[in-house]
Amino acid sequence: MTPDSRLDQLEPLMADVLQKVDRLIEGQGQLIELATSTKAGLEQVKATGDITANGLANLTTSMQQGLANVQRDIADLKTGQDLILQILREKLP
């Protein structure tokens, strides 16, 4: 076999191998892009979750304080009603 005929046999094989390597490199690049965009998406979801959790905690605290104020106002009203009833009982025969 001559060197030229050997080269003629090797060239298609090398071209095929190089084409497959190029496809593998391209596939790796696509995987890296996908992983990067997925990571960015997850970070956005995490940030949104953190904001939501903080908002919910603030709302819960605010509602608890509001409920405590309402309960205190109700207790004050009941005390006032009891005092009014006591005064009316003393004044009315």
C-alpha atoms as a PDB file:
ATOM      1  CA  MET A   1       0.000   0.000   0.000  1.00  0.00           C
ATOM      2  CA  THR A   2       1.342   3.378  -0.936  1.00  0.00           C
ATOM      3  CA  PRO A   3       1.379   6.355   1.386  1.00  0.00           C
ATOM      4  CA  ASP A   4      -1.132   8.133  -0.858  1.00  0.00           C
ATOM      5  CA  SER A   5      -3.626   5.262  -0.715  1.00  0.00           C
ATOM      6  CA  ARG A   6      -3.146   5.032   3.054  1.00  0.00           C
ATOM      7  CA  LEU A   7      -3.795   8.775   3.330  1.00  0.00           C
ATOM      8  CA  ASP A   8      -6.919   8.378   1.186  1.00  0.00           C
ATOM      9  CA  GLN A   9      -8.213   5.815   3.718  1.00  0.00           C
ATOM     10  CA  LEU A  10      -7.322   7.874   6.779  1.00  0.00           C
ATOM     11  CA  GLU A  11      -8.719  11.223   5.622  1.00  0.00           C
ATOM     12  CA  PRO A  12     -12.409  10.197   5.733  1.00  0.00           C
ATOM     13  CA  LEU A  13     -11.923   8.543   9.136  1.00  0.00           C
ATOM     14  CA  MET A  14     -10.180  11.618  10.547  1.00  0.00           C
ATOM     15  CA  ALA A  15     -12.865  13.886   9.096  1.00  0.00           C
ATOM     16  CA  ASP A  16     -15.568  11.754  10.705  1.00  0.00           C
ATOM     17  CA  VAL A  17     -13.781  11.755  14.069  1.00  0.00           C
ATOM     18  CA  LEU A  18     -13.242  15.515  13.942  1.00  0.00           C
ATOM     19  CA  GLN A  19     -16.896  16.074  13.028  1.00  0.00           C
ATOM     20  CA  LYS A  20     -17.986  13.975  16.018  1.00  0.00           C
ATOM     21  CA  VAL A  21     -15.610  15.873  18.313  1.00  0.00           C
ATOM     22  CA  ASP A  22     -17.051  19.170  17.034  1.00  0.00           C
ATOM     23  CA  ARG A  23     -20.588  17.934  17.754  1.00  0.00           C
ATOM     24  CA  LEU A  24     -19.561  16.864  21.252  1.00  0.00           C
ATOM     25  CA  ILE A  25     -18.009  20.276  21.911  1.00  0.00           C
ATOM     26  CA  GLU A  26     -21.149  22.002  20.627  1.00  0.00           C
ATOM     27  CA  GLY A  27     -23.310  19.758  22.812  1.00  0.00           C
ATOM     28  CA  GLN A  28     -21.186  20.578  25.858  1.00  0.00           C
ATOM     29  CA  GLY A  29     -21.572  24.284  25.090  1.00  0.00           C
ATOM     30  CA  GLN A  30     -25.347  23.890  24.912  1.00  0.00           C
ATOM     31  CA  LEU A  31     -25.358  22.005  28.214  1.00  0.00           C
ATOM     32  CA  ILE A  32     -23.332  24.768  29.849  1.00  0.00           C
ATOM     33  CA  GLU A  33     -25.745  27.409  28.505  1.00  0.00           C
ATOM     34  CA  LEU A  34     -28.711  25.405  29.783  1.00  0.00           C
ATOM     35  CA  ALA A  35     -27.128  24.938  33.205  1.00  0.00           C
ATOM     36  CA  THR A  36     -26.302  28.650  33.410  1.00  0.00           C
ATOM     37  CA  SER A  37     -29.820  29.732  32.460  1.00  0.00           C
ATOM     38  CA  THR A  38     -31.312  27.178  34.850  1.00  0.00           C
ATOM     39  CA  LYS A  39     -29.128  28.490  37.664  1.00  0.00           C
ATOM     40  CA  ALA A  40     -30.202  32.050  36.898  1.00  0.00           C
ATOM     41  CA  GLY A  41     -33.844  30.938  36.909  1.00  0.00           C
ATOM     42  CA  LEU A  42     -33.411  29.183  40.247  1.00  0.00           C
ATOM     43  CA  GLU A  43     -31.755  32.246  41.739  1.00  0.00           C
ATOM     44  CA  GLN A  44     -34.737  34.354  40.580  1.00  0.00           C
ATOM     45  CA  VAL A  45     -37.156  31.846  42.114  1.00  0.00           C
ATOM     46  CA  LYS A  46     -35.160  31.917  45.363  1.00  0.00           C
ATOM     47  CA  ALA A  47     -35.173  35.723  45.413  1.00  0.00           C
ATOM     48  CA  THR A  48     -38.924  35.763  44.781  1.00  0.00           C
ATOM     49  CA  GLY A  49     -39.435  33.185  47.534  1.00  0.00           C
ATOM     50  CA  ASP A  50     -37.366  35.267  49.956  1.00  0.00           C
ATOM     51  CA  ILE A  51     -39.386  38.387  49.139  1.00  0.00           C
ATOM     52  CA  THR A  52     -42.629  36.449  49.564  1.00  0.00           C
ATOM     53  CA  ALA A  53     -41.488  34.963  52.882  1.00  0.00           C
ATOM     54  CA  ASN A  54     -40.473  38.387  54.212  1.00  0.00           C
ATOM     55  CA  GLY A  55     -43.773  39.890  53.087  1.00  0.00           C
ATOM     56  CA  LEU A  56     -45.720  37.076  54.711  1.00  0.00           C
ATOM     57  CA  ALA A  57     -43.763  37.455  57.951  1.00  0.00           C
ATOM     58  CA  ASN A  58     -44.426  41.208  57.976  1.00  0.00           C
ATOM     59  CA  LEU A  59     -48.110  40.648  57.227  1.00  0.00           C
ATOM     60  CA  THR A  60     -48.375  38.065  60.001  1.00  0.00           C
ATOM     61  CA  THR A  61     -46.732  40.421  62.494  1.00  0.00           C
ATOM     62  CA  SER A  62     -48.970  43.279  61.410  1.00  0.00           C
ATOM     63  CA  MET A  63     -52.096  41.129  61.694  1.00  0.00           C
ATOM     64  CA  GLN A  64     -51.078  39.901  65.154  1.00  0.00           C
ATOM     65  CA  GLN A  65     -50.543  43.482  66.320  1.00  0.00           C
ATOM     66  CA  GLY A  66     -53.867  44.536  64.799  1.00  0.00           C
ATOM     67  CA  LEU A  67     -55.657  41.643  66.498  1.00  0.00           C
ATOM     68  CA  ALA A  68     -54.056  42.519  69.826  1.00  0.00           C
ATOM     69  CA  ASN A  69     -55.236  46.135  69.408  1.00  0.00           C
ATOM     70  CA  VAL A  70     -58.775  45.001  68.574  1.00  0.00           C
ATOM     71  CA  GLN A  71     -58.842  42.676  71.582  1.00  0.00           C
ATOM     72  CA  ARG A  72     -57.603  45.492  73.805  1.00  0.00           C
ATOM     73  CA  ASP A  73     -60.273  47.844  72.403  1.00  0.00           C
ATOM     74  CA  ILE A  74     -62.964  45.221  73.024  1.00  0.00           C
ATOM     75  CA  ALA A  75     -61.751  44.783  76.601  1.00  0.00           C
ATOM     76  CA  ASP A  76     -61.830  48.569  77.080  1.00  0.00           C
ATOM     77  CA  LEU A  77     -65.360  48.723  75.659  1.00  0.00           C
ATOM     78  CA  LYS A  78     -66.498  45.924  77.945  1.00  0.00           C
ATOM     79  CA  THR A  79     -64.984  47.718  80.944  1.00  0.00           C
ATOM     80  CA  GLY A  80     -66.758  50.918  79.859  1.00  0.00           C
ATOM     81  CA  GLN A  81     -70.072  49.088  79.427  1.00  0.00           C
ATOM     82  CA  ASP A  82     -69.721  47.486  82.849  1.00  0.00           C
ATOM     83  CA  LEU A  83     -69.040  50.904  84.367  1.00  0.00           C
ATOM     84  CA  ILE A  84     -72.054  52.423  82.592  1.00  0.00           C
ATOM     85  CA  LEU A  85     -74.269  49.560  83.789  1.00  0.00           C
ATOM     86  CA  GLN A  86     -73.013  49.997  87.338  1.00  0.00           C
ATOM     87  CA  ILE A  87     -73.726  53.750  87.246  1.00  0.00           C
ATOM     88  CA  LEU A  88     -77.208  53.168  85.793  1.00  0.00           C
ATOM     89  CA  ARG A  89     -78.008  50.603  88.478  1.00  0.00           C
ATOM     90  CA  GLU A  90     -76.958  53.082  91.160  1.00  0.00           C
ATOM     91  CA  LYS A  91     -78.951  55.964  89.660  1.00  0.00           C
ATOM     92  CA  LEU A  92     -82.101  54.103  88.675  1.00  0.00           C
ATOM     93  CA  PRO A  93     -84.421  52.822  91.327  1.00  0.00           C
END
